[in-house]
Amino acid sequence: MTQQIGGSTAEAELAALRPWANPAPAITAAERSERMARAQALMGEIGADAIVVGAGPSLRYFTGVGWNATERLVAMILPRAGGPIMICPRFELGSLEASLGIEAPIRLWEEHESPYALAAGALADLGVKTLAIDPALPFFAFDGLRLAASGVATVNGAPVIDGCRMIKSPAELALMSQAKAMTLEVHRRAARILSQGITTTAVRRFIDQAHRALGADDGSSFCAVQFGVGSAYPHGLPGEQELSLGDIVLIDTGCKVAGYNSDITRTYVFGEPSAEQRRVWEIEKQAQAAAFAAVKPGVPCEEIDAVARRVLEAAGFGPGYKLPGLPHRTGHGIGLAIHEAPYLVRGDKTPLAPGMCFSNEPMIVLPETFGVRLEDHFYVTADGAAWFTEPQPSLDQPFSEKN
């Protein structure tokens, strides 16, 4: 029964953890080359001569450089034909060379020099007339490029970036599978340390330490821990909460493995569930299952959201985003970014295709009372969908015996 959750200690659970026994292989240089070839083909479809990709998930996707964007421009310019050029501050050269997973010339700028003039020179050397812009490129970087290369037209590079990243390769699926399996193990252990009076901060701290002990990317884990009425807010409430008997426990957490994300939510009760908690949990389970069953190649993304909402509306929730009910989309794409295109939401008509990966989380919120969210992720197959992690079996059994 759910009331038996707990009984272990954070120290004991952490002491039992070891780095993941069978880590997934790293992305190869050959795969990165295939990604760039795909991007070049997509550039042709939007009439771009090159694309500029700034620091962030997309730069990691193409080059292996897992840096976040800062005020200093670090970028790749990939022409429609030929190899890429890297733009980097000179003092970062050693770090860039140690991170770079492709062969590419590097153009360097000193602190007092304009990286945008340097990039404009590269564009001129390549004969670029129309430049696709990474949609995640900060505005200041776009503006600097626009002014420095005033004769170059710009177009939105989202069709190129999303067109590549939304379809995951077998190697990407393997890395994501590892990250999600690690997070599910952390979830299982977090449930075992729950006790009356434990704080949300203590649980979050344990989850971060557990992810690190399993070998997740350093500092990559995130965690939202919500008890009782705090679970009625999709992203929780500020401040500390203490666990009491009868509280809903909603834990949403994940980590990264080689940059690839996990993101799993479990909802159960500390103590004996009430009849209303059971009723709402079962409806949530039905909505999640219906959304999964509706996945087929060619089905528009928005239809999966609609299927989940039909289950909820039949049970008296909604309609639409009205509460009590589901206040947000049913799911999001996931990969090197925890939220990425496409999305399971009304208006996203992207056809589902094999290799796409999504969360499935049609949360039910009862304002100022409690909320239930079950979140697992799936990838689209040739004839349907496959779970990365098995969904929660029941309110009383948060974890199946095989995961």
Foldseek 3Di string as FASTA:
>chain_A
DLQPFADDALVVLLVPFAAADDAFDDDAQVVLVVLLLLLLVLCVVVVWQKEKAWADLLCCSNWQDNDDDDPDTWIWIRGSDDGIEIEEAPVCVVVCVVRTRYDHHYDHDYPVDQSLLVVLVVCVVSVTQEYAYAPPPDPVSVVSNCVNNVRHHYDHSCCSSCVRPQFADPSQLSQQLVFQVQLVSLVSVLRHNDDFFDKPVVSQVSSLSSSVNRPFDPPFKDKQWAKWLQQLDVRGDDDMDTHDAQIKIKMWMTTGDSLFIDIWIFIAGNHDYDPVVQVQQVLQVVLLVQLQQPFFFFAFLQVSQVRSQVSVVVVPADNPCDPQFFNDGQKAWTGSHRHDDDGNHPPRRDTADFRGKMKGWRKGHHHSGHIGTGIWMWGYDNGGIDTSADTQPGNSGRHDPVD
